[in-house]
Full PDB file with SEQRES, HELIX, SHEET, SSBOND, CRYST1, ORIGX, SCALE, CONECT and MASTER records, all heavy atoms in Angstrom:
SEQRES   1 A   32  ILE TRP VAL PHE GLY VAL THR TYR VAL THR GLY ALA ALA          
SEQRES   2 A   32  ILE ALA LEU MET ALA GLY ILE ARG LEU ALA LEU ALA LEU          
SEQRES   3 A   32  THR GLY ARG VAL SER ALA                                      
HELIX    1 AA1 VAL A    6  LEU A   26  1                                  21    
CRYST1    1.000    1.000    1.000  90.00  90.00  90.00 P 1           1          
ORIGX1      1.000000  0.000000  0.000000        0.00000                         
ORIGX2      0.000000  1.000000  0.000000        0.00000                         
ORIGX3      0.000000  0.000000  1.000000        0.00000                         
SCALE1      1.000000  0.000000  0.000000        0.00000                         
SCALE2      0.000000  1.000000  0.000000        0.00000                         
SCALE3      0.000000  0.000000  1.000000        0.00000                         
ATOM      1  N   ILE A   1     -66.515  50.417  71.724  1.00  0.00           N  
ATOM      2  CA  ILE A   1     -65.184  50.435  72.066  1.00  0.00           C  
ATOM      3  C   ILE A   1     -64.272  50.580  70.715  1.00  0.00           C  
ATOM      4  O   ILE A   1     -63.174  51.165  70.744  1.00  0.00           O  
ATOM      5  CB  ILE A   1     -64.708  49.128  72.838  1.00  0.00           C  
ATOM      6  CG1 ILE A   1     -63.361  49.422  73.566  1.00  0.00           C  
ATOM      7  CG2 ILE A   1     -64.675  47.941  71.961  1.00  0.00           C  
ATOM      8  CD1 ILE A   1     -63.245  50.514  74.440  1.00  0.00           C  
ATOM      9  N   TRP A   2     -64.851  50.183  69.610  1.00  0.00           N  
ATOM     10  CA  TRP A   2     -64.225  50.384  68.282  1.00  0.00           C  
ATOM     11  C   TRP A   2     -64.161  51.862  67.851  1.00  0.00           C  
ATOM     12  O   TRP A   2     -63.284  52.244  67.087  1.00  0.00           O  
ATOM     13  CB  TRP A   2     -64.810  49.545  67.156  1.00  0.00           C  
ATOM     14  CG  TRP A   2     -64.486  48.066  67.342  1.00  0.00           C  
ATOM     15  CD1 TRP A   2     -65.308  47.095  67.820  1.00  0.00           C  
ATOM     16  CD2 TRP A   2     -63.266  47.472  67.016  1.00  0.00           C  
ATOM     17  NE1 TRP A   2     -64.686  45.977  67.923  1.00  0.00           N  
ATOM     18  CE2 TRP A   2     -63.310  46.075  67.367  1.00  0.00           C  
ATOM     19  CE3 TRP A   2     -61.995  47.910  66.547  1.00  0.00           C  
ATOM     20  CZ2 TRP A   2     -62.385  45.227  67.205  1.00  0.00           C  
ATOM     21  CZ3 TRP A   2     -60.979  47.013  66.408  1.00  0.00           C  
ATOM     22  CH2 TRP A   2     -61.185  45.710  66.784  1.00  0.00           C  
ATOM     23  N   VAL A   3     -65.149  52.604  68.482  1.00  0.00           N  
ATOM     24  CA  VAL A   3     -65.053  54.027  68.182  1.00  0.00           C  
ATOM     25  C   VAL A   3     -64.155  54.734  69.129  1.00  0.00           C  
ATOM     26  O   VAL A   3     -63.222  55.427  68.875  1.00  0.00           O  
ATOM     27  CB  VAL A   3     -66.470  54.697  68.164  1.00  0.00           C  
ATOM     28  CG1 VAL A   3     -66.492  56.158  67.999  1.00  0.00           C  
ATOM     29  CG2 VAL A   3     -67.414  53.911  67.220  1.00  0.00           C  
ATOM     30  N   PHE A   4     -64.441  54.583  70.494  1.00  0.00           N  
ATOM     31  CA  PHE A   4     -63.708  55.284  71.523  1.00  0.00           C  
ATOM     32  C   PHE A   4     -62.362  54.678  71.866  1.00  0.00           C  
ATOM     33  O   PHE A   4     -61.495  55.291  72.477  1.00  0.00           O  
ATOM     34  CB  PHE A   4     -64.585  55.365  72.706  1.00  0.00           C  
ATOM     35  CG  PHE A   4     -65.876  56.163  72.531  1.00  0.00           C  
ATOM     36  CD1 PHE A   4     -67.000  55.592  72.661  1.00  0.00           C  
ATOM     37  CD2 PHE A   4     -65.826  57.534  72.006  1.00  0.00           C  
ATOM     38  CE1 PHE A   4     -68.242  56.203  72.371  1.00  0.00           C  
ATOM     39  CE2 PHE A   4     -67.051  58.122  71.775  1.00  0.00           C  
ATOM     40  CZ  PHE A   4     -68.263  57.617  71.898  1.00  0.00           C  
ATOM     41  N   GLY A   5     -62.055  53.501  71.408  1.00  0.00           N  
ATOM     42  CA  GLY A   5     -60.815  52.806  71.701  1.00  0.00           C  
ATOM     43  C   GLY A   5     -59.712  53.440  71.001  1.00  0.00           C  
ATOM     44  O   GLY A   5     -58.488  53.149  71.279  1.00  0.00           O  
ATOM     45  N   VAL A   6     -59.911  54.287  70.032  1.00  0.00           N  
ATOM     46  CA  VAL A   6     -58.747  54.930  69.323  1.00  0.00           C  
ATOM     47  C   VAL A   6     -58.000  55.816  70.301  1.00  0.00           C  
ATOM     48  O   VAL A   6     -56.915  56.071  70.023  1.00  0.00           O  
ATOM     49  CB  VAL A   6     -59.269  55.765  68.106  1.00  0.00           C  
ATOM     50  CG1 VAL A   6     -60.170  57.021  68.682  1.00  0.00           C  
ATOM     51  CG2 VAL A   6     -58.242  56.258  67.218  1.00  0.00           C  
ATOM     52  N   THR A   7     -58.582  56.153  71.463  1.00  0.00           N  
ATOM     53  CA  THR A   7     -57.813  56.967  72.423  1.00  0.00           C  
ATOM     54  C   THR A   7     -56.820  56.122  73.151  1.00  0.00           C  
ATOM     55  O   THR A   7     -55.923  56.687  73.671  1.00  0.00           O  
ATOM     56  CB  THR A   7     -58.886  57.597  73.454  1.00  0.00           C  
ATOM     57  OG1 THR A   7     -59.663  56.602  74.009  1.00  0.00           O  
ATOM     58  CG2 THR A   7     -59.741  58.695  72.794  1.00  0.00           C  
ATOM     59  N   TYR A   8     -57.000  54.793  73.125  1.00  0.00           N  
ATOM     60  CA  TYR A   8     -55.858  53.948  73.586  1.00  0.00           C  
ATOM     61  C   TYR A   8     -54.620  54.212  72.781  1.00  0.00           C  
ATOM     62  O   TYR A   8     -53.501  54.532  73.346  1.00  0.00           O  
ATOM     63  CB  TYR A   8     -56.279  52.511  73.444  1.00  0.00           C  
ATOM     64  CG  TYR A   8     -57.078  51.921  74.445  1.00  0.00           C  
ATOM     65  CD1 TYR A   8     -58.188  51.134  74.134  1.00  0.00           C  
ATOM     66  CD2 TYR A   8     -56.697  51.984  75.864  1.00  0.00           C  
ATOM     67  CE1 TYR A   8     -58.912  50.502  75.111  1.00  0.00           C  
ATOM     68  CE2 TYR A   8     -57.513  51.504  76.831  1.00  0.00           C  
ATOM     69  CZ  TYR A   8     -58.587  50.655  76.430  1.00  0.00           C  
ATOM     70  OH  TYR A   8     -59.488  50.057  77.410  1.00  0.00           O  
ATOM     71  N   VAL A   9     -54.784  54.251  71.440  1.00  0.00           N  
ATOM     72  CA  VAL A   9     -53.640  54.480  70.541  1.00  0.00           C  
ATOM     73  C   VAL A   9     -53.119  55.806  70.663  1.00  0.00           C  
ATOM     74  O   VAL A   9     -51.912  56.013  70.756  1.00  0.00           O  
ATOM     75  CB  VAL A   9     -54.067  54.146  69.209  1.00  0.00           C  
ATOM     76  CG1 VAL A   9     -52.883  54.293  68.098  1.00  0.00           C  
ATOM     77  CG2 VAL A   9     -54.565  52.733  68.980  1.00  0.00           C  
ATOM     78  N   THR A  10     -53.923  56.699  70.733  1.00  0.00           N  
ATOM     79  CA  THR A  10     -53.553  58.234  70.756  1.00  0.00           C  
ATOM     80  C   THR A  10     -52.877  58.413  72.099  1.00  0.00           C  
ATOM     81  O   THR A  10     -51.715  59.112  72.128  1.00  0.00           O  
ATOM     82  CB  THR A  10     -54.783  59.121  70.635  1.00  0.00           C  
ATOM     83  OG1 THR A  10     -55.337  58.852  69.440  1.00  0.00           O  
ATOM     84  CG2 THR A  10     -54.256  60.634  70.678  1.00  0.00           C  
ATOM     85  N   GLY A  11     -53.416  58.044  73.221  1.00  0.00           N  
ATOM     86  CA  GLY A  11     -52.858  58.290  74.480  1.00  0.00           C  
ATOM     87  C   GLY A  11     -51.468  57.611  74.665  1.00  0.00           C  
ATOM     88  O   GLY A  11     -50.512  58.134  75.067  1.00  0.00           O  
ATOM     89  N   ALA A  12     -51.434  56.321  74.185  1.00  0.00           N  
ATOM     90  CA  ALA A  12     -50.114  55.552  74.241  1.00  0.00           C  
ATOM     91  C   ALA A  12     -48.964  56.202  73.410  1.00  0.00           C  
ATOM     92  O   ALA A  12     -47.901  56.339  73.794  1.00  0.00           O  
ATOM     93  CB  ALA A  12     -50.295  54.160  73.812  1.00  0.00           C  
ATOM     94  N   ALA A  13     -49.377  56.627  72.015  1.00  0.00           N  
ATOM     95  CA  ALA A  13     -48.398  57.200  71.254  1.00  0.00           C  
ATOM     96  C   ALA A  13     -47.932  58.452  71.671  1.00  0.00           C  
ATOM     97  O   ALA A  13     -46.675  58.824  71.724  1.00  0.00           O  
ATOM     98  CB  ALA A  13     -48.999  57.282  69.888  1.00  0.00           C  
ATOM     99  N   ILE A  14     -48.824  59.308  72.087  1.00  0.00           N  
ATOM    100  CA  ILE A  14     -48.385  60.654  72.500  1.00  0.00           C  
ATOM    101  C   ILE A  14     -47.662  60.532  73.835  1.00  0.00           C  
ATOM    102  O   ILE A  14     -46.613  61.205  74.158  1.00  0.00           O  
ATOM    103  CB  ILE A  14     -49.609  61.666  72.765  1.00  0.00           C  
ATOM    104  CG1 ILE A  14     -50.095  61.983  71.304  1.00  0.00           C  
ATOM    105  CG2 ILE A  14     -49.180  62.852  73.469  1.00  0.00           C  
ATOM    106  CD1 ILE A  14     -51.361  62.834  71.272  1.00  0.00           C  
ATOM    107  N   ALA A  15     -48.033  59.606  74.781  1.00  0.00           N  
ATOM    108  CA  ALA A  15     -47.270  59.400  76.004  1.00  0.00           C  
ATOM    109  C   ALA A  15     -45.868  58.969  75.728  1.00  0.00           C  
ATOM    110  O   ALA A  15     -44.903  59.354  76.378  1.00  0.00           O  
ATOM    111  CB  ALA A  15     -47.972  58.329  76.955  1.00  0.00           C  
ATOM    112  N   LEU A  16     -45.805  58.059  74.810  1.00  0.00           N  
ATOM    113  CA  LEU A  16     -44.416  57.569  74.444  1.00  0.00           C  
ATOM    114  C   LEU A  16     -43.545  58.701  73.896  1.00  0.00           C  
ATOM    115  O   LEU A  16     -42.310  58.860  74.313  1.00  0.00           O  
ATOM    116  CB  LEU A  16     -44.519  56.419  73.387  1.00  0.00           C  
ATOM    117  CG  LEU A  16     -43.176  55.751  72.775  1.00  0.00           C  
ATOM    118  CD1 LEU A  16     -42.512  55.105  73.959  1.00  0.00           C  
ATOM    119  CD2 LEU A  16     -43.556  54.861  71.748  1.00  0.00           C  
ATOM    120  N   MET A  17     -44.073  59.436  72.934  1.00  0.00           N  
ATOM    121  CA  MET A  17     -43.281  60.491  72.405  1.00  0.00           C  
ATOM    122  C   MET A  17     -42.908  61.641  73.498  1.00  0.00           C  
ATOM    123  O   MET A  17     -41.718  62.098  73.501  1.00  0.00           O  
ATOM    124  CB  MET A  17     -43.979  61.234  71.367  1.00  0.00           C  
ATOM    125  CG  MET A  17     -44.067  60.360  70.024  1.00  0.00           C  
ATOM    126  SD  MET A  17     -44.860  61.227  68.618  1.00  0.00           S  
ATOM    127  CE  MET A  17     -46.567  61.033  68.987  1.00  0.00           C  
ATOM    128  N   ALA A  18     -43.859  61.877  74.299  1.00  0.00           N  
ATOM    129  CA  ALA A  18     -43.559  62.958  75.368  1.00  0.00           C  
ATOM    130  C   ALA A  18     -42.662  62.445  76.401  1.00  0.00           C  
ATOM    131  O   ALA A  18     -41.703  63.127  76.826  1.00  0.00           O  
ATOM    132  CB  ALA A  18     -44.861  63.361  76.103  1.00  0.00           C  
ATOM    133  N   GLY A  19     -42.732  61.133  76.714  1.00  0.00           N  
ATOM    134  CA  GLY A  19     -41.739  60.494  77.662  1.00  0.00           C  
ATOM    135  C   GLY A  19     -40.393  60.443  76.999  1.00  0.00           C  
ATOM    136  O   GLY A  19     -39.423  60.775  77.738  1.00  0.00           O  
ATOM    137  N   ILE A  20     -40.226  60.265  75.775  1.00  0.00           N  
ATOM    138  CA  ILE A  20     -38.843  60.248  75.180  1.00  0.00           C  
ATOM    139  C   ILE A  20     -38.332  61.717  75.153  1.00  0.00           C  
ATOM    140  O   ILE A  20     -37.190  61.995  75.507  1.00  0.00           O  
ATOM    141  CB  ILE A  20     -38.978  59.689  73.750  1.00  0.00           C  
ATOM    142  CG1 ILE A  20     -39.213  58.142  73.795  1.00  0.00           C  
ATOM    143  CG2 ILE A  20     -37.615  59.946  72.935  1.00  0.00           C  
ATOM    144  CD1 ILE A  20     -39.503  57.491  72.529  1.00  0.00           C  
ATOM    145  N   ARG A  21     -39.209  62.629  74.767  1.00  0.00           N  
ATOM    146  CA  ARG A  21     -38.784  63.961  74.811  1.00  0.00           C  
ATOM    147  C   ARG A  21     -38.327  64.507  76.190  1.00  0.00           C  
ATOM    148  O   ARG A  21     -37.384  65.243  76.316  1.00  0.00           O  
ATOM    149  CB  ARG A  21     -39.797  64.864  74.180  1.00  0.00           C  
ATOM    150  CG  ARG A  21     -40.018  64.748  72.701  1.00  0.00           C  
ATOM    151  CD  ARG A  21     -41.221  65.606  72.253  1.00  0.00           C  
ATOM    152  NE  ARG A  21     -41.487  65.280  70.837  1.00  0.00           N  
ATOM    153  CZ  ARG A  21     -42.531  65.805  70.194  1.00  0.00           C  
ATOM    154  NH1 ARG A  21     -43.348  66.640  70.829  1.00  0.00           N  
ATOM    155  NH2 ARG A  21     -42.820  65.573  69.005  1.00  0.00           N  
ATOM    156  N   LEU A  22     -39.139  64.040  77.187  1.00  0.00           N  
ATOM    157  CA  LEU A  22     -38.888  64.392  78.491  1.00  0.00           C  
ATOM    158  C   LEU A  22     -37.572  63.801  78.953  1.00  0.00           C  
ATOM    159  O   LEU A  22     -36.769  64.541  79.595  1.00  0.00           O  
ATOM    160  CB  LEU A  22     -40.062  63.955  79.426  1.00  0.00           C  
ATOM    161  CG  LEU A  22     -39.955  64.455  80.967  1.00  0.00           C  
ATOM    162  CD1 LEU A  22     -39.834  65.891  81.186  1.00  0.00           C  
ATOM    163  CD2 LEU A  22     -41.136  63.816  81.714  1.00  0.00           C  
ATOM    164  N   ALA A  23     -37.254  62.537  78.671  1.00  0.00           N  
ATOM    165  CA  ALA A  23     -36.061  61.904  79.026  1.00  0.00           C  
ATOM    166  C   ALA A  23     -34.868  62.533  78.322  1.00  0.00           C  
ATOM    167  O   ALA A  23     -33.806  62.843  78.998  1.00  0.00           O  
ATOM    168  CB  ALA A  23     -36.143  60.412  78.644  1.00  0.00           C  
ATOM    169  N   LEU A  24     -35.065  62.952  77.040  1.00  0.00           N  
ATOM    170  CA  LEU A  24     -33.904  63.679  76.385  1.00  0.00           C  
ATOM    171  C   LEU A  24     -33.543  64.949  77.051  1.00  0.00           C  
ATOM    172  O   LEU A  24     -32.497  65.420  77.224  1.00  0.00           O  
ATOM    173  CB  LEU A  24     -34.247  63.849  74.866  1.00  0.00           C  
ATOM    174  CG  LEU A  24     -34.188  62.478  74.113  1.00  0.00           C  
ATOM    175  CD1 LEU A  24     -34.629  62.749  72.643  1.00  0.00           C  
ATOM    176  CD2 LEU A  24     -32.809  61.935  74.045  1.00  0.00           C  
ATOM    177  N   ALA A  25     -34.668  65.643  77.381  1.00  0.00           N  
ATOM    178  CA  ALA A  25     -34.496  67.043  77.970  1.00  0.00           C  
ATOM    179  C   ALA A  25     -33.843  66.987  79.322  1.00  0.00           C  
ATOM    180  O   ALA A  25     -33.014  67.805  79.759  1.00  0.00           O  
ATOM    181  CB  ALA A  25     -35.865  67.749  78.148  1.00  0.00           C  
ATOM    182  N   LEU A  26     -34.282  65.968  80.093  1.00  0.00           N  
ATOM    183  CA  LEU A  26     -33.687  65.839  81.478  1.00  0.00           C  
ATOM    184  C   LEU A  26     -32.298  65.476  81.469  1.00  0.00           C  
ATOM    185  O   LEU A  26     -31.594  65.759  82.359  1.00  0.00           O  
ATOM    186  CB  LEU A  26     -34.631  64.803  82.318  1.00  0.00           C  
ATOM    187  CG  LEU A  26     -35.972  65.345  82.764  1.00  0.00           C  
ATOM    188  CD1 LEU A  26     -36.773  64.142  83.355  1.00  0.00           C  
ATOM    189  CD2 LEU A  26     -35.860  66.466  83.691  1.00  0.00           C  
ATOM    190  N   THR A  27     -31.907  64.685  80.406  1.00  0.00           N  
ATOM    191  CA  THR A  27     -30.496  64.264  80.298  1.00  0.00           C  
ATOM    192  C   THR A  27     -29.634  65.200  79.519  1.00  0.00           C  
ATOM    193  O   THR A  27     -28.459  64.915  79.315  1.00  0.00           O  
ATOM    194  CB  THR A  27     -30.368  62.773  79.771  1.00  0.00           C  
ATOM    195  OG1 THR A  27     -31.019  62.876  78.474  1.00  0.00           O  
ATOM    196  CG2 THR A  27     -31.077  61.724  80.619  1.00  0.00           C  
ATOM    197  N   GLY A  28     -30.286  66.353  79.084  1.00  0.00           N  
ATOM    198  CA  GLY A  28     -29.470  67.356  78.404  1.00  0.00           C  
ATOM    199  C   GLY A  28     -29.193  66.937  76.959  1.00  0.00           C  
ATOM    200  O   GLY A  28     -28.104  67.578  76.403  1.00  0.00           O  
ATOM    201  N   ARG A  29     -29.906  66.106  76.391  1.00  0.00           N  
ATOM    202  CA  ARG A  29     -29.632  65.614  75.000  1.00  0.00           C  
ATOM    203  C   ARG A  29     -30.439  66.186  73.979  1.00  0.00           C  
ATOM    204  O   ARG A  29     -30.617  65.522  72.916  1.00  0.00           O  
ATOM    205  CB  ARG A  29     -29.586  64.117  74.912  1.00  0.00           C  
ATOM    206  CG  ARG A  29     -28.484  63.542  75.932  1.00  0.00           C  
ATOM    207  CD  ARG A  29     -28.293  62.013  75.867  1.00  0.00           C  
ATOM    208  NE  ARG A  29     -29.282  61.370  75.088  1.00  0.00           N  
ATOM    209  CZ  ARG A  29     -29.698  60.090  75.305  1.00  0.00           C  
ATOM    210  NH1 ARG A  29     -29.267  59.442  76.352  1.00  0.00           N  
ATOM    211  NH2 ARG A  29     -30.638  59.459  74.602  1.00  0.00           N  
ATOM    212  N   VAL A  30     -31.097  67.393  74.200  1.00  0.00           N  
ATOM    213  CA  VAL A  30     -31.943  67.929  73.247  1.00  0.00           C  
ATOM    214  C   VAL A  30     -31.007  68.741  72.188  1.00  0.00           C  
ATOM    215  O   VAL A  30     -30.225  69.545  72.665  1.00  0.00           O  
ATOM    216  CB  VAL A  30     -32.922  68.847  73.826  1.00  0.00           C  
ATOM    217  CG1 VAL A  30     -33.834  69.531  72.743  1.00  0.00           C  
ATOM    218  CG2 VAL A  30     -33.864  68.155  74.655  1.00  0.00           C  
ATOM    219  N   SER A  31     -31.096  68.375  70.945  1.00  0.00           N  
ATOM    220  CA  SER A  31     -30.104  69.075  70.009  1.00  0.00           C  
ATOM    221  C   SER A  31     -30.776  70.368  69.752  1.00  0.00           C  
ATOM    222  O   SER A  31     -31.788  70.925  69.990  1.00  0.00           O  
ATOM    223  CB  SER A  31     -30.052  68.258  68.726  1.00  0.00           C  
ATOM    224  OG  SER A  31     -31.331  68.373  68.095  1.00  0.00           O  
ATOM    225  N   ALA A  32     -29.761  71.255  69.093  1.00  0.00           N  
ATOM    226  CA  ALA A  32     -30.178  72.687  68.823  1.00  0.00           C  
ATOM    227  C   ALA A  32     -31.187  72.602  67.750  1.00  0.00           C  
ATOM    228  O   ALA A  32     -32.078  73.588  67.733  1.00  0.00           O  
ATOM    229  CB  ALA A  32     -28.922  73.375  68.423  1.00  0.00           C  
TER     230      ALA A  32                                                      
MASTER        0    0    0    1    0    0    0    6  229    1    0    3          
END                                                                             
């Protein structure tokens, strides 16, 4: 789990960033 558990961090971090980007895009707050 110390080897494959890194995907917890990767999945969570990318999900968080994609979620924020998606929320910004849906609310029309993506800057030029």
